[in-house]
Amino acid sequence: MKTVLVAACALVDPDDRVLLAQRPPGKSMAGLWEFPGGKVDAGETPEVALIRELHEELGIDVTEACLAPFTFASHAYDDFHLLMPLYVCRKWEGFVTALEGQELAWVRPLRMNRYPMPPADEPLVAMLCDLL
């Protein structure tokens, strides 16, 4: 089974709300909510991939120093195994904007369970609730 490396970020605003993005129609698991991020390309570190993805998806600039490694998800889907480091970021430049047509929501940690998520993301919610 192929392992896919995806980097994700819990962007946390000054009110301790976390940004969730809804997967757009046409993508696998469309309609589910997730932490922003994306696949790590060959030759990239997870941090570089995350900086690139956050810029492409949300129009924000993040420095590697502002990405705090937090935890990771390891989940077997039917056709691949997902390994996903999750970083926490509280500082970025620019305004969060949905550049790929996705819905965005700033959510208090204790309310994240109201947003249906991919199976790999679900265990991360409890850990974020403990952190925030």
N, C-alpha and C. Protein backbone atom coordinates (compact mmCIF):
# COMPACT_ATOMS: atom_id res chain seq x y z
N MET A 1 0.84 -1.18 0.00
CA MET A 1 0.00 0.00 0.00
C MET A 1 0.89 1.25 0.00
N LYS A 2 0.55 2.19 -0.85
CA LYS A 2 1.32 3.42 -0.99
C LYS A 2 1.09 4.34 0.21
N THR A 3 2.16 4.97 0.70
CA THR A 3 2.05 5.96 1.77
C THR A 3 2.07 7.34 1.15
N VAL A 4 1.11 8.17 1.53
CA VAL A 4 1.02 9.55 1.04
C VAL A 4 1.32 10.48 2.21
N LEU A 5 2.27 11.39 1.99
CA LEU A 5 2.65 12.36 3.01
C LEU A 5 1.94 13.67 2.73
N VAL A 6 1.15 14.12 3.69
CA VAL A 6 0.40 15.37 3.58
C VAL A 6 0.71 16.19 4.82
N ALA A 7 1.00 17.48 4.65
CA ALA A 7 1.23 18.38 5.78
C ALA A 7 -0.02 19.21 6.00
N ALA A 8 -0.41 19.38 7.26
CA ALA A 8 -1.61 20.15 7.59
C ALA A 8 -1.29 21.15 8.69
N CYS A 9 -2.15 22.16 8.79
CA CYS A 9 -1.90 23.23 9.75
C CYS A 9 -3.19 23.62 10.47
N ALA A 10 -3.08 23.73 11.78
CA ALA A 10 -4.15 24.31 12.58
C ALA A 10 -3.80 25.79 12.75
N LEU A 11 -4.41 26.63 11.91
CA LEU A 11 -4.23 28.07 12.05
C LEU A 11 -5.10 28.51 13.22
N VAL A 12 -4.51 29.19 14.18
CA VAL A 12 -5.23 29.59 15.39
C VAL A 12 -5.24 31.11 15.46
N ASP A 13 -6.45 31.69 15.53
CA ASP A 13 -6.55 33.15 15.59
C ASP A 13 -6.43 33.64 17.03
N PRO A 14 -6.40 34.96 17.26
CA PRO A 14 -6.23 35.48 18.63
C PRO A 14 -7.33 35.06 19.61
N ASP A 15 -8.50 34.63 19.10
CA ASP A 15 -9.58 34.16 19.96
C ASP A 15 -9.54 32.65 20.17
N ASP A 16 -8.41 32.01 19.81
CA ASP A 16 -8.22 30.56 19.92
C ASP A 16 -9.20 29.75 19.07
N ARG A 17 -9.66 30.34 17.96
CA ARG A 17 -10.46 29.59 17.01
C ARG A 17 -9.53 29.00 15.96
N VAL A 18 -9.91 27.85 15.42
CA VAL A 18 -9.10 27.11 14.45
C VAL A 18 -9.79 27.18 13.09
N LEU A 19 -9.00 27.38 12.05
CA LEU A 19 -9.56 27.45 10.70
C LEU A 19 -9.77 26.05 10.14
N LEU A 20 -10.99 25.80 9.67
CA LEU A 20 -11.30 24.57 8.94
C LEU A 20 -11.69 24.94 7.52
N ALA A 21 -11.34 24.08 6.58
CA ALA A 21 -11.68 24.29 5.17
C ALA A 21 -12.50 23.10 4.70
N GLN A 22 -13.55 23.39 3.93
CA GLN A 22 -14.39 22.31 3.41
C GLN A 22 -13.87 21.85 2.05
N ARG A 23 -13.74 20.54 1.90
CA ARG A 23 -13.27 19.99 0.63
C ARG A 23 -14.30 20.28 -0.45
N PRO A 24 -13.87 20.89 -1.56
CA PRO A 24 -14.83 21.31 -2.59
C PRO A 24 -15.37 20.14 -3.41
N PRO A 25 -16.51 20.35 -4.08
CA PRO A 25 -17.07 19.32 -4.95
C PRO A 25 -16.04 18.88 -5.99
N GLY A 26 -16.05 17.59 -6.30
CA GLY A 26 -15.14 17.05 -7.30
C GLY A 26 -13.89 16.44 -6.70
N LYS A 27 -13.56 16.79 -5.46
CA LYS A 27 -12.41 16.18 -4.78
C LYS A 27 -12.90 14.97 -4.00
N SER A 28 -11.99 14.04 -3.71
CA SER A 28 -12.38 12.92 -2.86
C SER A 28 -12.77 13.47 -1.49
N MET A 29 -13.71 12.86 -0.86
CA MET A 29 -14.23 13.28 0.44
C MET A 29 -14.79 14.70 0.40
N ALA A 30 -15.36 15.09 -0.73
CA ALA A 30 -15.96 16.42 -0.90
C ALA A 30 -17.00 16.66 0.18
N GLY A 31 -17.03 17.88 0.69
CA GLY A 31 -18.00 18.26 1.71
C GLY A 31 -17.50 18.08 3.13
N LEU A 32 -16.44 17.29 3.31
CA LEU A 32 -15.88 17.12 4.66
C LEU A 32 -14.96 18.30 4.98
N TRP A 33 -14.82 18.58 6.26
CA TRP A 33 -14.00 19.70 6.73
C TRP A 33 -12.64 19.18 7.17
N GLU A 34 -11.60 19.96 6.92
CA GLU A 34 -10.24 19.52 7.23
C GLU A 34 -9.38 20.72 7.61
N PHE A 35 -8.19 20.40 8.11
CA PHE A 35 -7.20 21.43 8.37
C PHE A 35 -6.52 21.76 7.05
N PRO A 36 -6.27 23.03 6.75
CA PRO A 36 -5.63 23.39 5.48
C PRO A 36 -4.26 22.74 5.35
N GLY A 37 -3.86 22.52 4.11
CA GLY A 37 -2.56 21.91 3.82
C GLY A 37 -2.64 21.15 2.53
N GLY A 38 -1.69 20.23 2.34
CA GLY A 38 -1.70 19.45 1.12
C GLY A 38 -0.52 18.52 1.02
N LYS A 39 -0.45 17.84 -0.13
CA LYS A 39 0.58 16.83 -0.35
C LYS A 39 1.96 17.45 -0.36
N VAL A 40 2.91 16.69 0.18
CA VAL A 40 4.31 17.07 0.16
C VAL A 40 4.91 16.54 -1.14
N ASP A 41 5.40 17.44 -1.98
CA ASP A 41 5.98 17.04 -3.26
C ASP A 41 7.39 16.47 -3.05
N ALA A 42 7.85 15.72 -4.03
CA ALA A 42 9.20 15.16 -3.99
C ALA A 42 10.21 16.29 -3.80
N GLY A 43 11.13 16.08 -2.88
CA GLY A 43 12.16 17.08 -2.62
C GLY A 43 11.76 18.17 -1.64
N GLU A 44 10.50 18.18 -1.21
CA GLU A 44 10.03 19.18 -0.25
C GLU A 44 10.05 18.62 1.16
N THR A 45 10.27 19.50 2.12
CA THR A 45 10.03 19.13 3.52
C THR A 45 8.56 19.41 3.80
N PRO A 46 7.99 18.81 4.86
CA PRO A 46 6.60 19.12 5.20
C PRO A 46 6.39 20.62 5.44
N GLU A 47 7.38 21.28 6.04
CA GLU A 47 7.23 22.71 6.33
C GLU A 47 7.18 23.54 5.04
N VAL A 48 8.06 23.23 4.10
CA VAL A 48 8.06 23.95 2.82
C VAL A 48 6.76 23.71 2.07
N ALA A 49 6.29 22.47 2.08
CA ALA A 49 5.02 22.15 1.42
C ALA A 49 3.86 22.93 2.05
N LEU A 50 3.87 23.01 3.37
CA LEU A 50 2.78 23.70 4.06
C LEU A 50 2.81 25.20 3.76
N ILE A 51 3.99 25.79 3.76
CA ILE A 51 4.11 27.22 3.41
C ILE A 51 3.56 27.46 2.01
N ARG A 52 3.92 26.58 1.06
CA ARG A 52 3.43 26.70 -0.31
C ARG A 52 1.91 26.53 -0.38
N GLU A 53 1.39 25.48 0.27
CA GLU A 53 -0.05 25.21 0.22
C GLU A 53 -0.87 26.34 0.87
N LEU A 54 -0.41 26.85 2.00
CA LEU A 54 -1.15 27.93 2.67
C LEU A 54 -1.18 29.18 1.81
N HIS A 55 -0.12 29.43 1.06
CA HIS A 55 -0.09 30.57 0.15
C HIS A 55 -1.05 30.35 -1.02
N GLU A 56 -1.01 29.12 -1.61
CA GLU A 56 -1.86 28.82 -2.76
C GLU A 56 -3.34 28.77 -2.40
N GLU A 57 -3.67 28.15 -1.26
CA GLU A 57 -5.07 27.93 -0.89
C GLU A 57 -5.70 29.12 -0.19
N LEU A 58 -4.90 29.83 0.63
CA LEU A 58 -5.46 30.85 1.51
C LEU A 58 -4.87 32.24 1.31
N GLY A 59 -3.84 32.36 0.50
CA GLY A 59 -3.26 33.66 0.23
C GLY A 59 -2.49 34.27 1.40
N ILE A 60 -2.03 33.42 2.32
CA ILE A 60 -1.28 33.94 3.46
C ILE A 60 0.18 33.49 3.37
N ASP A 61 1.04 34.28 3.99
CA ASP A 61 2.46 33.94 4.03
C ASP A 61 2.83 33.55 5.45
N VAL A 62 3.42 32.37 5.55
CA VAL A 62 3.82 31.82 6.84
C VAL A 62 5.31 31.54 6.77
N THR A 63 6.03 31.81 7.84
CA THR A 63 7.44 31.45 7.89
C THR A 63 7.58 30.13 8.64
N GLU A 64 8.65 29.42 8.32
CA GLU A 64 8.87 28.12 8.96
C GLU A 64 8.98 28.27 10.48
N ALA A 65 9.54 29.38 10.95
CA ALA A 65 9.69 29.61 12.39
C ALA A 65 8.34 29.68 13.11
N CYS A 66 7.28 30.02 12.37
CA CYS A 66 5.95 30.14 12.98
C CYS A 66 5.15 28.84 12.93
N LEU A 67 5.72 27.79 12.35
CA LEU A 67 5.05 26.48 12.29
C LEU A 67 5.57 25.62 13.44
N ALA A 68 4.71 25.37 14.41
CA ALA A 68 5.10 24.55 15.55
C ALA A 68 4.60 23.12 15.34
N PRO A 69 5.52 22.15 15.21
CA PRO A 69 5.07 20.75 15.07
C PRO A 69 4.23 20.37 16.29
N PHE A 70 3.06 19.77 16.04
CA PHE A 70 2.14 19.48 17.15
C PHE A 70 1.90 17.99 17.33
N THR A 71 1.43 17.33 16.31
CA THR A 71 1.14 15.89 16.38
C THR A 71 1.05 15.37 14.96
N PHE A 72 0.64 14.14 14.78
CA PHE A 72 0.48 13.61 13.43
C PHE A 72 -0.65 12.61 13.40
N ALA A 73 -1.15 12.38 12.20
CA ALA A 73 -2.15 11.35 11.95
C ALA A 73 -1.52 10.28 11.07
N SER A 74 -1.86 9.04 11.35
CA SER A 74 -1.45 7.90 10.53
C SER A 74 -2.71 7.07 10.33
N HIS A 75 -3.20 7.03 9.09
CA HIS A 75 -4.50 6.41 8.85
C HIS A 75 -4.48 5.61 7.54
N ALA A 76 -5.00 4.39 7.61
CA ALA A 76 -5.10 3.54 6.42
C ALA A 76 -6.46 3.76 5.75
N TYR A 77 -6.43 4.36 4.57
CA TYR A 77 -7.61 4.44 3.72
C TYR A 77 -7.62 3.20 2.83
N ASP A 78 -8.66 3.03 2.03
CA ASP A 78 -8.77 1.82 1.20
C ASP A 78 -7.60 1.66 0.24
N ASP A 79 -7.16 2.75 -0.40
CA ASP A 79 -6.15 2.62 -1.45
C ASP A 79 -4.81 3.28 -1.14
N PHE A 80 -4.64 3.84 0.05
CA PHE A 80 -3.34 4.40 0.43
C PHE A 80 -3.30 4.58 1.94
N HIS A 81 -2.09 4.78 2.45
CA HIS A 81 -1.91 5.08 3.87
C HIS A 81 -1.49 6.53 3.99
N LEU A 82 -2.20 7.29 4.81
CA LEU A 82 -1.93 8.71 4.99
C LEU A 82 -1.06 8.94 6.22
N LEU A 83 0.02 9.65 6.02
CA LEU A 83 0.84 10.13 7.13
C LEU A 83 0.78 11.64 7.07
N MET A 84 0.26 12.27 8.14
CA MET A 84 -0.01 13.70 8.11
C MET A 84 0.49 14.39 9.37
N PRO A 85 1.66 15.06 9.29
CA PRO A 85 2.05 15.90 10.41
C PRO A 85 1.13 17.11 10.50
N LEU A 86 0.75 17.48 11.73
CA LEU A 86 -0.09 18.65 11.96
C LEU A 86 0.74 19.68 12.72
N TYR A 87 0.78 20.86 12.17
CA TYR A 87 1.48 21.99 12.79
C TYR A 87 0.45 22.97 13.33
N VAL A 88 0.86 23.75 14.32
CA VAL A 88 0.04 24.84 14.83
C VAL A 88 0.72 26.14 14.43
N CYS A 89 -0.07 27.08 13.94
CA CYS A 89 0.46 28.37 13.52
C CYS A 89 -0.45 29.47 14.05
N ARG A 90 0.12 30.42 14.77
CA ARG A 90 -0.64 31.55 15.32
C ARG A 90 -0.26 32.87 14.67
N LYS A 91 0.72 32.87 13.76
CA LYS A 91 1.18 34.12 13.17
C LYS A 91 1.40 33.95 11.68
N TRP A 92 0.81 34.83 10.89
CA TRP A 92 0.97 34.82 9.44
C TRP A 92 0.77 36.22 8.92
N GLU A 93 1.19 36.42 7.68
CA GLU A 93 1.02 37.71 7.01
C GLU A 93 -0.10 37.58 5.99
N GLY A 94 -0.93 38.61 5.90
CA GLY A 94 -2.03 38.61 4.93
C GLY A 94 -3.34 38.22 5.57
N PHE A 95 -4.38 38.21 4.75
CA PHE A 95 -5.72 37.88 5.21
C PHE A 95 -6.14 36.53 4.64
N VAL A 96 -6.65 35.67 5.50
CA VAL A 96 -7.10 34.35 5.07
C VAL A 96 -8.25 34.52 4.07
N THR A 97 -8.05 33.99 2.86
CA THR A 97 -9.02 34.11 1.78
C THR A 97 -9.14 32.75 1.09
N ALA A 98 -10.35 32.35 0.78
CA ALA A 98 -10.58 31.07 0.09
C ALA A 98 -10.26 31.24 -1.39
N LEU A 99 -9.06 30.84 -1.81
CA LEU A 99 -8.63 31.05 -3.19
C LEU A 99 -8.99 29.90 -4.12
N GLU A 100 -9.45 28.77 -3.55
CA GLU A 100 -9.77 27.61 -4.39
C GLU A 100 -11.25 27.26 -4.31
N GLY A 101 -12.08 28.23 -3.97
CA GLY A 101 -13.52 28.01 -3.94
C GLY A 101 -14.02 27.22 -2.76
N GLN A 102 -13.16 26.95 -1.80
CA GLN A 102 -13.55 26.17 -0.63
C GLN A 102 -14.26 27.07 0.40
N GLU A 103 -15.14 26.47 1.18
CA GLU A 103 -15.75 27.19 2.30
C GLU A 103 -14.76 27.16 3.46
N LEU A 104 -14.71 28.26 4.22
CA LEU A 104 -13.83 28.35 5.38
C LEU A 104 -14.66 28.65 6.61
N ALA A 105 -14.21 28.16 7.76
CA ALA A 105 -14.90 28.45 9.03
C ALA A 105 -13.87 28.54 10.14
N TRP A 106 -13.98 29.62 10.94
CA TRP A 106 -13.19 29.74 12.16
C TRP A 106 -14.01 29.11 13.28
N VAL A 107 -13.48 28.06 13.90
CA VAL A 107 -14.29 27.23 14.80
C VAL A 107 -13.60 27.11 16.16
N ARG A 108 -14.38 27.27 17.22
CA ARG A 108 -13.85 27.04 18.56
C ARG A 108 -13.57 25.54 18.69
N PRO A 109 -12.46 25.17 19.34
CA PRO A 109 -12.08 23.75 19.40
C PRO A 109 -13.19 22.82 19.88
N LEU A 110 -13.94 23.22 20.90
CA LEU A 110 -14.99 22.34 21.42
C LEU A 110 -16.17 22.18 20.46
N ARG A 111 -16.22 22.99 19.40
CA ARG A 111 -17.30 22.88 18.41
C ARG A 111 -16.84 22.19 17.12
N MET A 112 -15.56 21.83 17.05
CA MET A 112 -15.06 21.20 15.82
C MET A 112 -15.75 19.87 15.53
N ASN A 113 -16.22 19.19 16.57
CA ASN A 113 -16.88 17.89 16.34
C ASN A 113 -18.21 18.05 15.61
N ARG A 114 -18.69 19.27 15.43
CA ARG A 114 -19.93 19.51 14.67
C ARG A 114 -19.67 19.54 13.17
N TYR A 115 -18.40 19.51 12.79
CA TYR A 115 -18.02 19.57 11.38
C TYR A 115 -17.52 18.19 10.95
N PRO A 116 -18.23 17.52 10.04
CA PRO A 116 -17.78 16.19 9.62
C PRO A 116 -16.41 16.27 8.95
N MET A 117 -15.50 15.39 9.37
CA MET A 117 -14.12 15.42 8.90
C MET A 117 -13.72 14.06 8.34
N PRO A 118 -12.66 14.05 7.52
CA PRO A 118 -12.10 12.76 7.10
C PRO A 118 -11.63 11.97 8.33
N PRO A 119 -11.66 10.65 8.26
CA PRO A 119 -11.29 9.84 9.43
C PRO A 119 -9.91 10.17 10.00
N ALA A 120 -8.95 10.54 9.15
CA ALA A 120 -7.60 10.83 9.65
C ALA A 120 -7.58 12.09 10.51
N ASP A 121 -8.47 13.05 10.23
CA ASP A 121 -8.48 14.32 10.96
C ASP A 121 -9.17 14.22 12.32
N GLU A 122 -10.15 13.32 12.43
CA GLU A 122 -10.99 13.27 13.63
C GLU A 122 -10.20 13.15 14.94
N PRO A 123 -9.20 12.26 15.05
CA PRO A 123 -8.49 12.14 16.33
C PRO A 123 -7.71 13.40 16.72
N LEU A 124 -7.40 14.25 15.76
CA LEU A 124 -6.62 15.46 16.03
C LEU A 124 -7.44 16.50 16.79
N VAL A 125 -8.76 16.44 16.66
CA VAL A 125 -9.63 17.43 17.29
C VAL A 125 -9.47 17.39 18.81
N ALA A 126 -9.51 16.21 19.41
CA ALA A 126 -9.39 16.10 20.87
C ALA A 126 -8.05 16.66 21.35
N MET A 127 -7.01 16.42 20.57
CA MET A 127 -5.69 16.92 20.96
C MET A 127 -5.65 18.45 20.91
N LEU A 128 -6.30 19.03 19.90
CA LEU A 128 -6.35 20.49 19.81
C LEU A 128 -7.19 21.07 20.94
N CYS A 129 -8.27 20.37 21.31
CA CYS A 129 -9.09 20.84 22.45
C CYS A 129 -8.25 20.88 23.72
N ASP A 130 -7.39 19.88 23.91
CA ASP A 130 -6.53 19.87 25.09
C ASP A 130 -5.51 21.01 25.05
N LEU A 131 -5.00 21.32 23.85
CA LEU A 131 -3.99 22.38 23.71
C LEU A 131 -4.60 23.75 23.93
N LEU A 132 -5.79 23.96 23.37
CA LEU A 132 -6.39 25.31 23.38
C LEU A 132 -7.41 25.44 24.50
